[in-house]
Amino acid sequence: MRGQEVALVGGGNSAGQAVVFLAPKVKHLHLVVRGEGLEASMSQYLIERIKALPNVTLHTRTEVVGLEGEEGRGLTGATFRDRGDGTTHSCPLRHLFLFIGADPNAGWLEDCVSVDDKGFVVTGAEFVDGAGARGDGRSRSKQAGRVCSPSAMCARARPSASPPRSARGQPSWHRSTAYLLANDWTMKPLPLAKVYQLIEPGPVVMLTTADKGRPDVMTMSWHMMVDFNPPLIACVVSEADYSFAALRKTGECVIAIPSVEIAHKVVKVGNSSGRDIDKFAAFGLTPLPAKRVGAPLVAECFANIECKVTDTRFVNRYNLFILEAIEAWTDPKQKRPKTIHHHGYGTFVVDGETIKLKSSMP
């Protein structure tokens, strides 16, 4: 796809994340949405990232009404239609991506098989005598979510008194699972795009950088410890973030850890871009000089860690930096601060009760 024009249809967060991922890899990306804009369906931080991408064109109130192609080449273009005035125009394309939701099209089966709350067929137990399911219409299918037709859903089989095939010749735990499924004890499928909400690491932090004397700050939640001494921290800073270039250029930053008391400021920082504003001034944060790096500390945070980039081998592939902590500070005036943890889509969890259990660690 490098050097080619592509289009992506969709206005949700999955579409926004795909745009941020694809845009740096293509010549130009056309984002097509049927609505008036992105604000009603996409998180603000993604909207800001997309606005900052120079090779993305947003087509609002637009739908794809035609595709063009050539034998041996595949897709060569698409026709867009303005839903307001009905005008159309052609756009040269080599790839078209659809992020428009899913419809299992299995409503016609509800009287004879079990379907989940999204309409996908629940497998693992027999339905009516002689019925079976295969393909994308299954609730646990790795490809579930594609539109499928009735002909791909159900095949008539010879009636049999023997146990379901899934329960024969399987280890005991597998048969137990089949039993539980047969008795309506089921787990709902979770879209893979939401996995990060389950294992989101550590507290939400802010990362500061400085380039040519201009400080900036961003919100970050994808980070983890990778070594004790010297302390090494892995963090993901997207190449779409304004801070990415400064971090890569200077090789230094500060990780500032905020308490819940300034959570509203942390969110505002994450929903804006340093390309457009001075976030320290805009959101009432105080930059303080660090001891060993050019990036500033954040006075309002209860802890600040000065860091140097020590490993960039995974930056090109994953936007992952390995940082070495070279100086750390805490604010003794902030007693027992509580951190916040991001669970996605504007939902946060605040530190709760602290418990102590016996540990064998030195």
Protein backbone atom coordinates (compact mmCIF):
# COMPACT_ATOMS: atom_id res chain seq x y z
CA MET A 1 0.00 0.00 0.00
CA ARG A 2 2.93 2.35 0.37
CA GLY A 3 2.73 5.20 -2.10
CA GLN A 4 -0.89 4.42 -3.00
CA GLU A 5 -4.22 6.15 -2.42
CA VAL A 6 -6.69 4.30 -0.20
CA ALA A 7 -10.13 4.94 1.28
CA LEU A 8 -11.64 3.92 4.58
CA VAL A 9 -15.38 3.96 5.32
CA GLY A 10 -16.50 4.40 8.92
CA GLY A 11 -16.79 6.96 11.70
CA GLY A 12 -16.28 4.97 14.90
CA ASN A 13 -13.23 4.51 17.10
CA SER A 14 -12.10 1.40 15.23
CA ALA A 15 -12.11 3.40 12.02
CA GLY A 16 -10.21 6.23 13.69
CA GLN A 17 -7.54 3.90 15.02
CA ALA A 18 -7.20 2.36 11.56
CA VAL A 19 -6.74 5.80 9.99
CA VAL A 20 -3.99 6.70 12.46
CA PHE A 21 -2.27 3.38 11.71
CA LEU A 22 -2.64 3.47 7.92
CA ALA A 23 -2.04 7.12 7.07
CA PRO A 24 1.75 7.13 7.64
CA LYS A 25 2.04 4.14 5.31
CA VAL A 26 0.10 5.43 2.27
CA LYS A 27 0.26 8.34 -0.17
CA HIS A 28 -3.21 9.62 0.69
CA LEU A 29 -6.16 8.33 2.71
CA HIS A 30 -9.80 9.29 2.11
CA LEU A 31 -11.99 8.90 5.21
CA VAL A 32 -15.62 8.51 4.17
CA VAL A 33 -18.47 9.01 6.67
CA ARG A 34 -22.22 9.24 6.13
CA GLY A 35 -22.80 11.69 8.97
CA GLU A 36 -22.12 15.40 9.41
CA GLY A 37 -18.78 14.76 11.10
CA LEU A 38 -16.88 12.55 13.54
CA GLU A 39 -17.80 14.16 16.85
CA ALA A 40 -20.91 12.07 17.51
CA SER A 41 -19.24 8.69 16.99
CA MET A 42 -15.48 9.01 17.61
CA SER A 43 -13.36 9.90 20.63
CA GLN A 44 -11.95 13.40 20.60
CA TYR A 45 -8.33 12.27 20.91
CA LEU A 46 -8.67 10.30 17.67
CA ILE A 47 -10.34 13.24 15.94
CA GLU A 48 -7.42 15.46 16.93
CA ARG A 49 -4.90 12.91 15.65
CA ILE A 50 -6.69 12.61 12.34
CA LYS A 51 -6.85 16.40 11.93
CA ALA A 52 -3.08 16.50 12.37
CA LEU A 53 -2.42 14.00 9.58
CA PRO A 54 -1.53 15.96 6.41
CA ASN A 55 -2.45 13.19 3.97
CA VAL A 56 -5.98 12.46 5.22
CA THR A 57 -9.08 13.96 3.59
CA LEU A 58 -12.38 13.71 5.46
CA HIS A 59 -15.47 13.30 3.26
CA THR A 60 -18.58 13.97 5.36
CA ARG A 61 -22.18 13.23 4.28
CA THR A 62 -20.66 10.89 1.71
CA GLU A 63 -21.14 7.28 0.66
CA VAL A 64 -19.45 4.93 -1.78
CA VAL A 65 -21.83 4.13 -4.66
CA GLY A 66 -19.51 2.51 -7.19
CA LEU A 67 -16.22 0.68 -7.63
CA GLU A 68 -13.93 0.47 -10.65
CA GLY A 69 -11.29 -2.10 -11.45
CA GLU A 70 -9.17 -3.75 -14.06
CA GLU A 71 -8.40 -7.41 -14.59
CA GLY A 72 -4.95 -8.15 -13.27
CA ARG A 73 -4.79 -4.91 -11.27
CA GLY A 74 -7.80 -5.14 -8.98
CA LEU A 75 -9.42 -2.03 -7.57
CA THR A 76 -8.52 1.19 -9.40
CA GLY A 77 -11.12 3.67 -8.22
CA ALA A 78 -14.39 4.41 -6.45
CA THR A 79 -17.31 6.76 -6.92
CA PHE A 80 -18.36 8.92 -3.98
CA ARG A 81 -21.81 10.50 -3.69
CA ASP A 82 -22.64 13.56 -1.60
CA ARG A 83 -25.74 12.63 0.42
CA GLY A 84 -26.75 16.27 0.61
CA ASP A 85 -26.91 17.40 -3.02
CA GLY A 86 -26.51 14.02 -4.76
CA THR A 87 -23.42 14.99 -6.73
CA THR A 88 -20.84 12.31 -7.46
CA HIS A 89 -17.13 12.29 -8.14
CA SER A 90 -14.56 9.63 -8.89
CA CYS A 91 -11.51 8.94 -6.77
CA PRO A 92 -8.52 6.80 -7.82
CA LEU A 93 -7.98 4.03 -5.24
CA ARG A 94 -6.08 0.79 -4.87
CA HIS A 95 -7.56 -0.31 -1.54
CA LEU A 96 -10.91 0.21 0.22
CA PHE A 97 -11.37 -0.60 3.93
CA LEU A 98 -14.80 -0.93 5.56
CA PHE A 99 -15.34 -0.26 9.27
CA ILE A 100 -19.12 -0.14 9.29
CA GLY A 101 -20.16 -2.71 11.91
CA ALA A 102 -21.40 -6.23 11.55
CA ASP A 103 -24.68 -8.00 10.79
CA PRO A 104 -24.81 -11.79 11.19
CA ASN A 105 -28.06 -12.00 9.16
CA ALA A 106 -29.18 -14.99 11.24
CA GLY A 107 -32.59 -13.79 12.40
CA TRP A 108 -34.32 -16.47 10.33
CA LEU A 109 -32.73 -19.12 12.62
CA GLU A 110 -33.96 -17.83 15.99
CA ASP A 111 -36.78 -20.39 16.24
CA CYS A 112 -34.56 -23.43 15.77
CA VAL A 113 -31.12 -22.55 17.24
CA SER A 114 -29.65 -20.46 20.03
CA VAL A 115 -28.30 -17.03 19.11
CA ASP A 116 -26.45 -14.56 21.30
CA ASP A 117 -27.54 -11.00 22.00
CA LYS A 118 -25.88 -9.84 18.79
CA GLY A 119 -27.61 -12.43 16.64
CA PHE A 120 -24.67 -14.82 16.13
CA VAL A 121 -25.31 -18.56 16.39
CA VAL A 122 -24.09 -20.10 19.67
CA THR A 123 -22.25 -23.37 18.97
CA GLY A 124 -20.97 -26.06 21.33
CA ALA A 125 -24.32 -27.78 21.85
CA GLU A 126 -26.90 -29.29 19.51
CA PHE A 127 -29.85 -27.21 18.42
CA VAL A 128 -32.74 -29.01 16.79
CA ASP A 129 -32.21 -32.56 15.57
CA GLY A 130 -29.89 -32.62 12.56
CA ALA A 131 -28.92 -28.92 12.51
CA GLY A 132 -25.38 -27.61 12.61
CA ALA A 133 -23.58 -24.30 12.08
CA ARG A 134 -20.41 -23.42 10.26
CA GLY A 135 -18.61 -20.34 9.02
CA ASP A 136 -18.77 -16.69 10.04
CA GLY A 137 -22.24 -16.83 11.58
CA ARG A 138 -20.95 -18.66 14.67
CA SER A 139 -20.82 -16.71 17.92
CA ARG A 140 -17.23 -17.78 18.59
CA SER A 141 -15.99 -17.75 15.03
CA LYS A 142 -12.71 -15.87 14.71
CA GLN A 143 -14.24 -14.26 11.63
CA ALA A 144 -17.61 -13.51 13.20
CA GLY A 145 -18.83 -10.10 12.17
CA ARG A 146 -18.94 -10.53 8.43
CA VAL A 147 -22.33 -10.50 6.79
CA CYS A 148 -23.28 -14.04 5.88
CA SER A 149 -26.19 -15.57 4.01
CA PRO A 150 -28.55 -18.34 5.17
CA SER A 151 -26.91 -20.80 2.77
CA ALA A 152 -23.63 -20.46 4.65
CA MET A 153 -25.23 -20.87 8.03
CA CYS A 154 -26.93 -24.20 8.42
CA ALA A 155 -26.61 -27.61 6.80
CA ARG A 156 -29.03 -30.48 7.30
CA ALA A 157 -27.39 -33.56 8.73
CA ARG A 158 -28.60 -37.14 9.15
CA PRO A 159 -30.47 -37.42 12.48
CA SER A 160 -28.38 -39.26 15.04
CA ALA A 161 -28.79 -40.39 18.63
CA SER A 162 -25.05 -40.18 19.27
CA PRO A 163 -23.54 -37.30 21.31
CA PRO A 164 -22.55 -34.08 19.53
CA ARG A 165 -19.33 -34.51 17.62
CA SER A 166 -17.64 -31.84 19.73
CA ALA A 167 -18.20 -33.97 22.84
CA ARG A 168 -16.80 -37.26 21.49
CA GLY A 169 -13.10 -38.12 21.70
CA GLN A 170 -12.26 -34.90 23.57
CA PRO A 171 -10.51 -34.39 26.92
CA SER A 172 -12.74 -34.13 30.00
CA TRP A 173 -12.39 -30.37 30.29
CA HIS A 174 -13.67 -29.97 26.73
CA ARG A 175 -16.71 -32.13 27.46
CA SER A 176 -17.35 -30.12 30.63
CA THR A 177 -17.31 -26.95 28.60
CA ALA A 178 -19.81 -28.44 26.17
CA TYR A 179 -22.07 -29.34 29.10
CA LEU A 180 -21.94 -25.84 30.51
CA LEU A 181 -22.69 -24.33 27.11
CA ALA A 182 -25.65 -26.68 26.73
CA ASN A 183 -27.03 -25.36 30.01
CA ASP A 184 -26.85 -21.70 28.96
CA TRP A 185 -23.66 -21.00 30.92
CA THR A 186 -21.89 -18.99 28.27
CA MET A 187 -19.35 -16.22 27.97
CA LYS A 188 -20.13 -13.47 25.51
CA PRO A 189 -17.59 -12.90 22.74
CA LEU A 190 -15.48 -9.78 23.17
CA PRO A 191 -14.23 -7.85 20.13
CA LEU A 192 -10.44 -8.04 19.96
CA ALA A 193 -10.31 -4.24 19.69
CA LYS A 194 -11.46 -4.11 23.33
CA VAL A 195 -8.85 -6.48 24.77
CA TYR A 196 -6.69 -3.56 25.86
CA GLN A 197 -9.47 -2.45 28.20
CA LEU A 198 -8.99 -5.65 30.19
CA ILE A 199 -5.21 -5.51 30.65
CA GLU A 200 -4.53 -1.77 30.44
CA PRO A 201 -1.29 -1.45 32.43
CA GLY A 202 -0.32 0.90 35.21
CA PRO A 203 -1.67 4.34 36.07
CA VAL A 204 -2.43 7.01 33.51
CA VAL A 205 0.63 9.26 33.31
CA MET A 206 1.73 12.34 31.43
CA LEU A 207 4.87 12.40 29.29
CA THR A 208 6.68 15.68 28.73
CA THR A 209 9.20 16.55 26.03
CA ALA A 210 10.99 19.68 24.90
CA ASP A 211 12.31 20.56 21.47
CA LYS A 212 14.04 23.84 20.66
CA GLY A 213 13.00 25.20 24.04
CA ARG A 214 9.29 24.48 23.51
CA PRO A 215 7.85 22.13 26.16
CA ASP A 216 4.94 19.81 25.47
CA VAL A 217 2.94 17.26 27.44
CA MET A 218 0.81 14.29 26.40
CA THR A 219 -1.31 11.74 28.25
CA MET A 220 -0.14 8.12 28.14
CA SER A 221 -1.44 4.84 29.51
CA TRP A 222 0.42 2.22 27.46
CA HIS A 223 3.58 1.63 29.51
CA MET A 224 5.18 -1.02 31.70
CA MET A 225 8.27 -1.75 33.81
CA VAL A 226 10.79 -4.07 32.15
CA ASP A 227 13.70 -4.04 34.64
CA PHE A 228 14.44 -3.13 38.25
CA ASN A 229 17.89 -1.57 38.38
CA PRO A 230 18.53 0.52 36.48
CA PRO A 231 14.77 1.07 36.16
CA LEU A 232 13.71 0.47 32.54
CA ILE A 233 10.27 1.50 31.30
CA ALA A 234 8.66 0.53 28.00
CA CYS A 235 6.13 2.93 26.55
CA VAL A 236 4.19 3.32 23.31
CA VAL A 237 4.11 6.81 21.78
CA SER A 238 2.26 6.82 18.48
CA GLU A 239 3.99 8.39 15.50
CA ALA A 240 0.75 10.36 15.08
CA ASP A 241 1.38 12.09 18.44
CA TYR A 242 3.08 15.46 18.39
CA SER A 243 5.45 14.26 21.14
CA PHE A 244 6.75 11.38 19.01
CA ALA A 245 9.12 13.52 16.92
CA ALA A 246 10.52 15.36 19.94
CA LEU A 247 11.07 12.15 21.90
CA ARG A 248 12.82 10.49 18.99
CA LYS A 249 14.95 13.56 18.24
CA THR A 250 16.04 14.48 21.77
CA GLY A 251 16.02 11.01 23.32
CA GLU A 252 14.72 12.28 26.65
CA CYS A 253 11.47 12.92 28.49
CA VAL A 254 9.79 13.09 31.89
CA ILE A 255 7.07 10.72 33.05
CA ALA A 256 4.83 12.68 35.41
CA ILE A 257 2.33 10.73 37.52
CA PRO A 258 -0.89 12.63 38.35
CA SER A 259 -3.39 11.96 41.12
CA VAL A 260 -7.14 11.76 40.66
CA GLU A 261 -7.48 15.38 41.81
CA ILE A 262 -6.26 16.64 38.42
CA ALA A 263 -7.87 13.88 36.32
CA HIS A 264 -9.93 16.42 34.37
CA LYS A 265 -6.74 18.19 33.29
CA VAL A 266 -5.12 14.89 32.32
CA VAL A 267 -8.06 14.07 30.04
CA LYS A 268 -7.97 17.51 28.44
CA VAL A 269 -4.27 17.08 27.75
CA GLY A 270 -5.02 13.75 26.07
CA ASN A 271 -7.80 15.23 23.94
CA SER A 272 -5.68 17.98 22.42
CA SER A 273 -2.50 18.31 20.37
CA GLY A 274 0.67 20.26 21.06
CA ARG A 275 0.69 21.21 17.39
CA ASP A 276 -2.17 23.59 18.08
CA ILE A 277 -1.74 24.90 21.63
CA ASP A 278 0.61 25.28 24.58
CA LYS A 279 -0.99 22.63 26.79
CA PHE A 280 0.81 23.75 29.93
CA ALA A 281 -0.73 27.23 29.63
CA ALA A 282 -4.09 26.06 28.31
CA PHE A 283 -4.79 23.61 31.13
CA GLY A 284 -3.09 25.30 34.08
CA LEU A 285 -0.08 23.00 34.44
CA THR A 286 3.27 24.27 35.74
CA PRO A 287 6.51 23.21 33.99
CA LEU A 288 9.52 22.98 36.31
CA PRO A 289 13.16 22.54 35.22
CA ALA A 290 14.43 18.98 35.47
CA LYS A 291 17.90 18.14 36.74
CA ARG A 292 19.27 15.93 33.97
CA VAL A 293 16.96 16.27 30.94
CA GLY A 294 15.60 19.15 28.92
CA ALA A 295 11.97 18.08 29.29
CA PRO A 296 10.15 19.72 32.23
CA LEU A 297 8.71 18.23 35.39
CA VAL A 298 4.99 18.85 36.08
CA ALA A 299 4.57 20.60 39.42
CA GLU A 300 1.00 19.40 39.95
CA CYS A 301 1.99 15.69 39.73
CA PHE A 302 2.93 13.77 42.88
CA ALA A 303 5.86 12.04 41.14
CA ASN A 304 8.15 12.84 38.21
CA ILE A 305 10.69 10.52 36.58
CA GLU A 306 13.43 11.89 34.34
CA CYS A 307 14.18 9.45 31.52
CA LYS A 308 16.59 8.85 28.66
CA VAL A 309 15.73 6.74 25.64
CA THR A 310 17.97 3.68 25.83
CA ASP A 311 16.59 1.36 23.14
CA THR A 312 14.82 2.25 19.88
CA ARG A 313 14.87 -1.13 18.13
CA PHE A 314 11.06 -1.43 18.29
CA VAL A 315 10.17 2.15 17.43
CA ASN A 316 9.74 1.67 13.69
CA ARG A 317 7.61 -1.44 14.06
CA TYR A 318 5.60 -0.77 17.24
CA ASN A 319 6.27 2.89 18.22
CA LEU A 320 7.72 1.38 21.42
CA PHE A 321 10.51 3.18 23.28
CA ILE A 322 12.59 1.72 26.12
CA LEU A 323 13.37 4.43 28.66
CA GLU A 324 15.91 4.42 31.50
CA ALA A 325 14.93 6.33 34.62
CA ILE A 326 17.90 8.50 35.59
CA GLU A 327 16.35 10.74 38.26
CA ALA A 328 13.07 10.58 40.22
CA TRP A 329 11.14 13.02 42.40
CA THR A 330 8.09 12.87 44.69
CA ASP A 331 6.03 15.62 46.30
CA PRO A 332 5.85 14.99 50.08
CA LYS A 333 2.91 17.39 50.38
CA GLN A 334 0.66 15.00 48.45
CA LYS A 335 -0.24 12.36 51.04
CA ARG A 336 -1.47 8.95 49.83
CA PRO A 337 -2.29 10.06 46.28
CA LYS A 338 -4.71 7.93 44.27
CA THR A 339 -3.93 7.26 40.62
CA ILE A 340 -6.37 6.74 37.75
CA HIS A 341 -6.44 3.81 35.32
CA HIS A 342 -7.97 4.01 31.86
CA HIS A 343 -10.48 1.37 30.77
CA GLY A 344 -11.19 2.93 27.38
CA TYR A 345 -13.78 5.31 25.93
CA GLY A 346 -13.51 7.85 28.73
CA THR A 347 -13.93 5.31 31.56
CA PHE A 348 -11.43 5.39 34.42
CA VAL A 349 -10.90 3.44 37.62
CA VAL A 350 -9.49 5.13 40.72
CA ASP A 351 -7.15 3.35 43.13
CA GLY A 352 -9.14 1.67 45.88
CA GLU A 353 -8.35 -0.22 49.07
CA THR A 354 -4.74 -1.24 49.67
CA ILE A 355 -4.12 -4.78 50.93
CA LYS A 356 -0.88 -6.45 52.02
CA LEU A 357 -0.20 -10.15 51.53
CA LYS A 358 2.81 -12.20 52.52
CA SER A 359 5.56 -11.98 49.92
CA SER A 360 8.74 -13.99 49.46
CA MET A 361 10.38 -11.24 47.43
CA PRO A 362 13.44 -9.66 49.11
